[in-house]
Amino acid sequence: MLGFSGKHYKSLDSKGRVIVPAPFREILSLSNSSKLIITNDVFDKCLCAYAADEWQKLIDRANELPQTSDAVKFYMRRVIGSAIESEVDKQGRVLVAPALRVDAALNSEIVLLGLGNRIEVWDRSELEGMADPARIDKKTIKEELAALGL
């Protein structure tokens, strides 16, 4: 599967639906799916949306982990337990469930970020605060990325 990429500014309608960007819909169609599995991020105040095949890989990996581990329990509850499957409708929209909108504090203005195997869904003002380069230790991040080969 090709990866999701790009930054798209969108609006949630009054029913909590958002138009999935055309490039993202193309990737879904290549995997013969019109569904996204939308869930909470583990730590950040955003949502993650996965194509069905990527979601299944994540479920399989999670199920192989020791289910008695506190970290795994937290992950299963926060991520797997909050996941909702949502169909992309004929107008290219997907419903973001009310509970997930609350968890991520989504207002009407949102940002969809393609991150390879997933899409992050952010409230626009929250992302602008998180992604502000002035808020990070650039030297530490640069060193860590270099150590990882990026």
N, C-alpha and C. Protein backbone atom coordinates (compact mmCIF):
# COMPACT_ATOMS: atom_id res chain seq x y z
N MET A 1 0.83 -1.18 0.00
CA MET A 1 0.00 0.00 0.00
C MET A 1 0.88 1.25 0.00
N LEU A 2 0.52 2.21 -0.82
CA LEU A 2 1.19 3.50 -0.79
C LEU A 2 0.84 4.18 0.52
N GLY A 3 1.68 5.09 0.94
CA GLY A 3 1.43 5.74 2.22
C GLY A 3 0.65 7.03 2.11
N PHE A 4 -0.05 7.35 3.18
CA PHE A 4 -0.74 8.63 3.28
C PHE A 4 0.30 9.72 3.47
N SER A 5 0.13 10.84 2.81
CA SER A 5 1.02 11.98 3.04
C SER A 5 0.27 13.27 2.73
N GLY A 6 0.76 14.34 3.31
CA GLY A 6 0.17 15.65 3.07
C GLY A 6 -0.53 16.20 4.29
N LYS A 7 -0.72 17.51 4.27
CA LYS A 7 -1.38 18.25 5.34
C LYS A 7 -2.61 18.91 4.73
N HIS A 8 -3.77 18.60 5.29
CA HIS A 8 -5.02 19.08 4.71
C HIS A 8 -5.87 19.76 5.78
N TYR A 9 -6.21 21.02 5.53
CA TYR A 9 -7.08 21.78 6.44
C TYR A 9 -8.52 21.52 6.03
N LYS A 10 -9.32 21.07 6.99
CA LYS A 10 -10.71 20.71 6.72
C LYS A 10 -11.61 21.23 7.83
N SER A 11 -12.92 21.11 7.59
CA SER A 11 -13.91 21.49 8.60
C SER A 11 -14.80 20.30 8.89
N LEU A 12 -15.15 20.15 10.16
CA LEU A 12 -16.17 19.17 10.54
C LEU A 12 -17.52 19.82 10.31
N ASP A 13 -18.45 19.07 9.73
CA ASP A 13 -19.80 19.63 9.58
C ASP A 13 -20.57 19.45 10.88
N SER A 14 -21.81 19.89 10.90
CA SER A 14 -22.61 19.87 12.14
C SER A 14 -22.87 18.45 12.66
N LYS A 15 -22.72 17.44 11.80
CA LYS A 15 -22.91 16.05 12.21
C LYS A 15 -21.60 15.35 12.57
N GLY A 16 -20.48 16.08 12.48
CA GLY A 16 -19.18 15.50 12.83
C GLY A 16 -18.52 14.78 11.68
N ARG A 17 -18.91 15.10 10.45
CA ARG A 17 -18.29 14.47 9.28
C ARG A 17 -17.24 15.39 8.70
N VAL A 18 -16.25 14.78 8.07
CA VAL A 18 -15.19 15.53 7.41
C VAL A 18 -14.97 14.91 6.03
N ILE A 19 -14.65 15.74 5.06
CA ILE A 19 -14.35 15.24 3.73
C ILE A 19 -12.92 14.69 3.75
N VAL A 20 -12.79 13.43 3.37
CA VAL A 20 -11.48 12.79 3.29
C VAL A 20 -10.82 13.30 2.01
N PRO A 21 -9.59 13.82 2.10
CA PRO A 21 -8.92 14.34 0.91
C PRO A 21 -8.83 13.27 -0.19
N ALA A 22 -8.97 13.71 -1.44
CA ALA A 22 -8.95 12.79 -2.58
C ALA A 22 -7.73 11.87 -2.60
N PRO A 23 -6.51 12.38 -2.32
CA PRO A 23 -5.36 11.45 -2.32
C PRO A 23 -5.50 10.33 -1.29
N PHE A 24 -6.12 10.63 -0.15
CA PHE A 24 -6.32 9.61 0.87
C PHE A 24 -7.36 8.59 0.41
N ARG A 25 -8.42 9.08 -0.26
CA ARG A 25 -9.44 8.16 -0.78
C ARG A 25 -8.86 7.24 -1.84
N GLU A 26 -7.94 7.78 -2.65
CA GLU A 26 -7.28 6.95 -3.68
C GLU A 26 -6.50 5.81 -3.04
N ILE A 27 -5.79 6.11 -1.97
CA ILE A 27 -5.01 5.07 -1.28
C ILE A 27 -5.95 4.01 -0.72
N LEU A 28 -7.07 4.44 -0.14
CA LEU A 28 -8.04 3.47 0.38
C LEU A 28 -8.57 2.59 -0.75
N SER A 29 -8.86 3.19 -1.89
CA SER A 29 -9.41 2.40 -3.00
C SER A 29 -8.39 1.39 -3.52
N LEU A 30 -7.10 1.74 -3.47
CA LEU A 30 -6.06 0.79 -3.90
C LEU A 30 -6.03 -0.44 -2.99
N SER A 31 -6.46 -0.26 -1.73
CA SER A 31 -6.51 -1.41 -0.82
C SER A 31 -7.92 -2.03 -0.81
N ASN A 32 -8.72 -1.66 -1.81
CA ASN A 32 -10.08 -2.20 -1.95
C ASN A 32 -10.93 -1.97 -0.71
N SER A 33 -10.83 -0.78 -0.15
CA SER A 33 -11.59 -0.48 1.05
C SER A 33 -12.11 0.95 0.99
N SER A 34 -13.24 1.16 1.59
CA SER A 34 -13.77 2.52 1.74
C SER A 34 -14.00 2.82 3.21
N LYS A 35 -13.28 2.09 4.06
CA LYS A 35 -13.44 2.25 5.51
C LYS A 35 -12.15 2.75 6.14
N LEU A 36 -12.34 3.57 7.16
CA LEU A 36 -11.23 3.99 8.02
C LEU A 36 -11.57 3.55 9.43
N ILE A 37 -10.56 3.09 10.14
CA ILE A 37 -10.72 2.80 11.56
C ILE A 37 -10.10 3.98 12.28
N ILE A 38 -10.93 4.68 13.05
CA ILE A 38 -10.51 5.92 13.71
C ILE A 38 -10.44 5.64 15.21
N THR A 39 -9.34 6.09 15.82
CA THR A 39 -9.13 5.82 17.24
C THR A 39 -8.31 6.93 17.87
N ASN A 40 -8.17 6.86 19.19
CA ASN A 40 -7.32 7.81 19.90
C ASN A 40 -5.85 7.51 19.63
N ASP A 41 -5.03 8.55 19.63
CA ASP A 41 -3.59 8.37 19.67
C ASP A 41 -3.23 7.90 21.08
N VAL A 42 -2.10 7.23 21.21
CA VAL A 42 -1.71 6.73 22.53
C VAL A 42 -1.54 7.87 23.53
N PHE A 43 -0.80 8.92 23.15
CA PHE A 43 -0.49 9.99 24.10
C PHE A 43 -0.94 11.37 23.66
N ASP A 44 -0.86 11.67 22.36
CA ASP A 44 -1.20 13.01 21.89
C ASP A 44 -2.70 13.22 21.85
N LYS A 45 -3.09 14.47 21.89
CA LYS A 45 -4.51 14.83 21.87
C LYS A 45 -4.97 14.95 20.42
N CYS A 46 -4.93 13.81 19.75
CA CYS A 46 -5.38 13.74 18.37
C CYS A 46 -5.93 12.35 18.13
N LEU A 47 -6.48 12.15 16.95
CA LEU A 47 -6.98 10.85 16.55
C LEU A 47 -6.08 10.27 15.47
N CYS A 48 -6.12 8.97 15.32
CA CYS A 48 -5.41 8.29 14.24
C CYS A 48 -6.43 7.49 13.44
N ALA A 49 -6.31 7.56 12.12
CA ALA A 49 -7.20 6.81 11.24
C ALA A 49 -6.35 5.86 10.40
N TYR A 50 -6.79 4.61 10.33
CA TYR A 50 -6.05 3.57 9.62
C TYR A 50 -6.93 2.93 8.55
N ALA A 51 -6.30 2.54 7.45
CA ALA A 51 -6.97 1.68 6.49
C ALA A 51 -7.13 0.32 7.17
N ALA A 52 -8.11 -0.46 6.73
CA ALA A 52 -8.43 -1.72 7.40
C ALA A 52 -7.24 -2.67 7.47
N ASP A 53 -6.45 -2.77 6.41
CA ASP A 53 -5.31 -3.70 6.42
C ASP A 53 -4.24 -3.27 7.42
N GLU A 54 -3.98 -1.98 7.53
CA GLU A 54 -3.00 -1.49 8.51
C GLU A 54 -3.52 -1.68 9.93
N TRP A 55 -4.80 -1.47 10.12
CA TRP A 55 -5.40 -1.66 11.44
C TRP A 55 -5.27 -3.11 11.87
N GLN A 56 -5.50 -4.03 10.94
CA GLN A 56 -5.40 -5.45 11.29
C GLN A 56 -3.97 -5.81 11.70
N LYS A 57 -2.97 -5.23 11.03
CA LYS A 57 -1.58 -5.46 11.42
C LYS A 57 -1.34 -4.97 12.85
N LEU A 58 -1.88 -3.81 13.18
CA LEU A 58 -1.72 -3.25 14.51
C LEU A 58 -2.39 -4.14 15.56
N ILE A 59 -3.58 -4.60 15.27
CA ILE A 59 -4.30 -5.50 16.18
C ILE A 59 -3.49 -6.79 16.39
N ASP A 60 -2.98 -7.35 15.30
CA ASP A 60 -2.20 -8.59 15.40
C ASP A 60 -0.98 -8.40 16.27
N ARG A 61 -0.26 -7.27 16.07
CA ARG A 61 0.92 -6.99 16.91
C ARG A 61 0.53 -6.83 18.37
N ALA A 62 -0.53 -6.10 18.62
CA ALA A 62 -0.97 -5.85 20.00
C ALA A 62 -1.38 -7.15 20.68
N ASN A 63 -2.03 -8.03 19.96
CA ASN A 63 -2.48 -9.30 20.54
C ASN A 63 -1.34 -10.25 20.86
N GLU A 64 -0.17 -10.03 20.27
CA GLU A 64 1.00 -10.87 20.55
C GLU A 64 1.72 -10.43 21.83
N LEU A 65 1.40 -9.26 22.32
CA LEU A 65 2.06 -8.71 23.50
C LEU A 65 1.47 -9.31 24.78
N PRO A 66 2.24 -9.27 25.88
CA PRO A 66 1.71 -9.81 27.14
C PRO A 66 0.55 -8.96 27.66
N GLN A 67 -0.62 -9.55 27.69
CA GLN A 67 -1.84 -8.81 28.04
C GLN A 67 -1.92 -8.42 29.51
N THR A 68 -0.99 -8.92 30.32
CA THR A 68 -0.97 -8.55 31.74
C THR A 68 -0.08 -7.33 32.00
N SER A 69 0.66 -6.89 31.00
CA SER A 69 1.53 -5.72 31.13
C SER A 69 0.67 -4.47 31.30
N ASP A 70 1.02 -3.61 32.25
CA ASP A 70 0.28 -2.37 32.46
C ASP A 70 0.34 -1.48 31.22
N ALA A 71 1.49 -1.43 30.55
CA ALA A 71 1.62 -0.61 29.35
C ALA A 71 0.71 -1.13 28.24
N VAL A 72 0.68 -2.44 28.08
CA VAL A 72 -0.17 -3.05 27.05
C VAL A 72 -1.65 -2.82 27.38
N LYS A 73 -2.01 -2.97 28.65
CA LYS A 73 -3.40 -2.71 29.05
C LYS A 73 -3.79 -1.27 28.74
N PHE A 74 -2.90 -0.33 29.06
CA PHE A 74 -3.19 1.07 28.76
C PHE A 74 -3.38 1.25 27.26
N TYR A 75 -2.48 0.70 26.47
CA TYR A 75 -2.55 0.81 25.02
C TYR A 75 -3.86 0.20 24.49
N MET A 76 -4.18 -0.98 24.95
CA MET A 76 -5.39 -1.66 24.49
C MET A 76 -6.64 -0.84 24.83
N ARG A 77 -6.67 -0.29 26.01
CA ARG A 77 -7.84 0.51 26.42
C ARG A 77 -7.92 1.82 25.67
N ARG A 78 -6.79 2.49 25.56
CA ARG A 78 -6.76 3.83 24.95
C ARG A 78 -6.93 3.77 23.44
N VAL A 79 -6.25 2.84 22.78
CA VAL A 79 -6.24 2.80 21.32
C VAL A 79 -7.24 1.78 20.76
N ILE A 80 -7.06 0.52 21.11
CA ILE A 80 -7.91 -0.52 20.54
C ILE A 80 -9.36 -0.35 21.02
N GLY A 81 -9.52 -0.08 22.30
CA GLY A 81 -10.86 0.04 22.87
C GLY A 81 -11.67 1.21 22.37
N SER A 82 -11.02 2.25 21.89
CA SER A 82 -11.76 3.43 21.43
C SER A 82 -11.99 3.44 19.91
N ALA A 83 -11.49 2.43 19.22
CA ALA A 83 -11.55 2.42 17.75
C ALA A 83 -12.98 2.25 17.24
N ILE A 84 -13.27 3.01 16.20
CA ILE A 84 -14.58 2.93 15.55
C ILE A 84 -14.35 2.87 14.05
N GLU A 85 -15.00 1.91 13.41
CA GLU A 85 -14.92 1.77 11.95
C GLU A 85 -15.91 2.75 11.33
N SER A 86 -15.44 3.51 10.35
CA SER A 86 -16.29 4.50 9.71
C SER A 86 -16.15 4.40 8.19
N GLU A 87 -17.26 4.31 7.53
CA GLU A 87 -17.32 4.16 6.08
C GLU A 87 -17.22 5.54 5.42
N VAL A 88 -16.42 5.64 4.37
CA VAL A 88 -16.37 6.87 3.57
C VAL A 88 -17.62 6.84 2.69
N ASP A 89 -18.46 7.87 2.80
CA ASP A 89 -19.71 7.87 2.04
C ASP A 89 -19.49 8.32 0.59
N LYS A 90 -20.56 8.37 -0.18
CA LYS A 90 -20.47 8.68 -1.61
C LYS A 90 -19.97 10.10 -1.87
N GLN A 91 -20.11 10.99 -0.89
CA GLN A 91 -19.59 12.35 -1.01
C GLN A 91 -18.16 12.47 -0.51
N GLY A 92 -17.56 11.35 -0.14
CA GLY A 92 -16.18 11.35 0.33
C GLY A 92 -16.00 11.76 1.77
N ARG A 93 -17.10 11.72 2.53
CA ARG A 93 -17.05 12.12 3.94
C ARG A 93 -16.96 10.91 4.85
N VAL A 94 -16.37 11.13 6.01
CA VAL A 94 -16.32 10.09 7.03
C VAL A 94 -16.79 10.72 8.35
N LEU A 95 -17.54 9.93 9.10
CA LEU A 95 -18.05 10.40 10.39
C LEU A 95 -17.01 10.16 11.47
N VAL A 96 -16.71 11.21 12.22
CA VAL A 96 -15.86 11.08 13.41
C VAL A 96 -16.82 10.98 14.59
N ALA A 97 -16.81 9.84 15.24
CA ALA A 97 -17.76 9.56 16.32
C ALA A 97 -17.68 10.63 17.42
N PRO A 98 -18.83 10.95 18.03
CA PRO A 98 -18.86 11.98 19.07
C PRO A 98 -17.85 11.74 20.20
N ALA A 99 -17.73 10.51 20.69
CA ALA A 99 -16.79 10.24 21.79
C ALA A 99 -15.35 10.56 21.38
N LEU A 100 -15.01 10.24 20.13
CA LEU A 100 -13.65 10.54 19.66
C LEU A 100 -13.44 12.04 19.48
N ARG A 101 -14.47 12.74 19.03
CA ARG A 101 -14.35 14.21 18.90
C ARG A 101 -14.09 14.83 20.26
N VAL A 102 -14.75 14.30 21.29
CA VAL A 102 -14.55 14.81 22.65
C VAL A 102 -13.13 14.49 23.13
N ASP A 103 -12.70 13.23 22.94
CA ASP A 103 -11.37 12.82 23.40
C ASP A 103 -10.27 13.69 22.80
N ALA A 104 -10.40 14.05 21.53
CA ALA A 104 -9.37 14.84 20.85
C ALA A 104 -9.67 16.34 20.89
N ALA A 105 -10.74 16.73 21.57
CA ALA A 105 -11.15 18.13 21.67
C ALA A 105 -11.23 18.79 20.29
N LEU A 106 -11.87 18.08 19.35
CA LEU A 106 -11.98 18.62 17.99
C LEU A 106 -13.08 19.67 17.93
N ASN A 107 -12.73 20.82 17.37
CA ASN A 107 -13.70 21.85 17.06
C ASN A 107 -13.98 21.76 15.57
N SER A 108 -14.55 22.77 14.99
CA SER A 108 -14.92 22.66 13.58
C SER A 108 -13.71 22.69 12.64
N GLU A 109 -12.65 23.39 13.00
CA GLU A 109 -11.48 23.49 12.12
C GLU A 109 -10.46 22.43 12.52
N ILE A 110 -10.20 21.50 11.59
CA ILE A 110 -9.29 20.40 11.88
C ILE A 110 -8.22 20.29 10.80
N VAL A 111 -7.21 19.48 11.10
CA VAL A 111 -6.13 19.22 10.15
C VAL A 111 -5.96 17.71 10.04
N LEU A 112 -5.88 17.22 8.81
CA LEU A 112 -5.59 15.81 8.55
C LEU A 112 -4.15 15.73 8.06
N LEU A 113 -3.34 14.95 8.75
CA LEU A 113 -1.93 14.77 8.40
C LEU A 113 -1.70 13.34 7.95
N GLY A 114 -1.20 13.16 6.73
CA GLY A 114 -0.86 11.83 6.27
C GLY A 114 0.52 11.46 6.77
N LEU A 115 0.62 10.35 7.52
CA LEU A 115 1.88 9.94 8.13
C LEU A 115 2.27 8.52 7.71
N GLY A 116 2.14 8.23 6.44
CA GLY A 116 2.53 6.92 5.95
C GLY A 116 1.44 5.89 6.13
N ASN A 117 1.49 5.17 7.26
CA ASN A 117 0.52 4.10 7.48
C ASN A 117 -0.75 4.57 8.18
N ARG A 118 -0.84 5.86 8.51
CA ARG A 118 -2.01 6.37 9.22
C ARG A 118 -2.22 7.85 8.90
N ILE A 119 -3.39 8.31 9.30
CA ILE A 119 -3.75 9.73 9.19
C ILE A 119 -3.97 10.24 10.60
N GLU A 120 -3.33 11.33 10.96
CA GLU A 120 -3.64 11.96 12.24
C GLU A 120 -4.69 13.03 12.01
N VAL A 121 -5.62 13.14 12.96
CA VAL A 121 -6.70 14.13 12.91
C VAL A 121 -6.54 15.02 14.13
N TRP A 122 -6.26 16.29 13.88
CA TRP A 122 -5.98 17.26 14.95
C TRP A 122 -6.97 18.41 14.92
N ASP A 123 -7.28 18.94 16.08
CA ASP A 123 -7.89 20.25 16.14
C ASP A 123 -6.83 21.22 15.64
N ARG A 124 -7.20 22.14 14.79
CA ARG A 124 -6.19 23.01 14.17
C ARG A 124 -5.38 23.80 15.19
N SER A 125 -6.02 24.36 16.18
CA SER A 125 -5.27 25.16 17.16
C SER A 125 -4.35 24.27 18.01
N GLU A 126 -4.78 23.06 18.32
CA GLU A 126 -3.94 22.13 19.08
C GLU A 126 -2.68 21.76 18.30
N LEU A 127 -2.85 21.47 17.01
CA LEU A 127 -1.69 21.11 16.19
C LEU A 127 -0.73 22.28 16.04
N GLU A 128 -1.26 23.46 15.85
CA GLU A 128 -0.38 24.63 15.69
C GLU A 128 0.47 24.83 16.93
N GLY A 129 -0.07 24.55 18.11
CA GLY A 129 0.71 24.63 19.34
C GLY A 129 1.75 23.53 19.43
N MET A 130 1.36 22.30 19.04
CA MET A 130 2.27 21.14 19.11
C MET A 130 3.41 21.23 18.10
N ALA A 131 3.09 21.71 16.92
CA ALA A 131 4.06 21.69 15.83
C ALA A 131 4.91 22.96 15.75
N ASP A 132 4.80 23.82 16.72
CA ASP A 132 5.57 25.06 16.73
C ASP A 132 7.04 24.74 17.02
N PRO A 133 7.93 24.98 16.04
CA PRO A 133 9.35 24.67 16.25
C PRO A 133 9.97 25.40 17.44
N ALA A 134 9.38 26.50 17.85
CA ALA A 134 9.91 27.25 18.99
C ALA A 134 9.70 26.49 20.30
N ARG A 135 8.82 25.50 20.31
CA ARG A 135 8.50 24.77 21.54
C ARG A 135 9.33 23.51 21.73
N ILE A 136 10.22 23.20 20.81
CA ILE A 136 11.00 21.97 20.94
C ILE A 136 12.48 22.29 21.15
N ASP A 137 13.19 21.33 21.65
CA ASP A 137 14.63 21.42 21.77
C ASP A 137 15.21 20.91 20.44
N LYS A 138 15.48 21.83 19.53
CA LYS A 138 15.89 21.46 18.17
C LYS A 138 17.15 20.61 18.16
N LYS A 139 18.09 20.94 19.02
CA LYS A 139 19.35 20.19 19.04
C LYS A 139 19.12 18.73 19.41
N THR A 140 18.32 18.51 20.46
CA THR A 140 18.03 17.14 20.90
C THR A 140 17.28 16.37 19.83
N ILE A 141 16.28 16.99 19.23
CA ILE A 141 15.50 16.33 18.17
C ILE A 141 16.39 16.01 16.98
N LYS A 142 17.23 16.96 16.60
CA LYS A 142 18.15 16.74 15.47
C LYS A 142 19.08 15.55 15.74
N GLU A 143 19.63 15.49 16.95
CA GLU A 143 20.53 14.38 17.31
C GLU A 143 19.80 13.04 17.32
N GLU A 144 18.58 13.04 17.86
CA GLU A 144 17.82 11.79 17.91
C GLU A 144 17.45 11.31 16.50
N LEU A 145 17.02 12.24 15.66
CA LEU A 145 16.69 11.85 14.28
C LEU A 145 17.92 11.35 13.54
N ALA A 146 19.07 11.99 13.75
CA ALA A 146 20.30 11.55 13.11
C ALA A 146 20.67 10.13 13.58
N ALA A 147 20.50 9.87 14.87
CA ALA A 147 20.80 8.55 15.41
C ALA A 147 19.88 7.48 14.83
N LEU A 148 18.67 7.90 14.45
CA LEU A 148 17.71 6.97 13.84
C LEU A 148 17.90 6.84 12.33
N GLY A 149 18.81 7.65 11.78
CA GLY A 149 19.09 7.58 10.35
C GLY A 149 18.21 8.48 9.50
N LEU A 150 17.60 9.47 10.11
CA LEU A 150 16.75 10.42 9.34
C LEU A 150 17.43 11.75 9.19
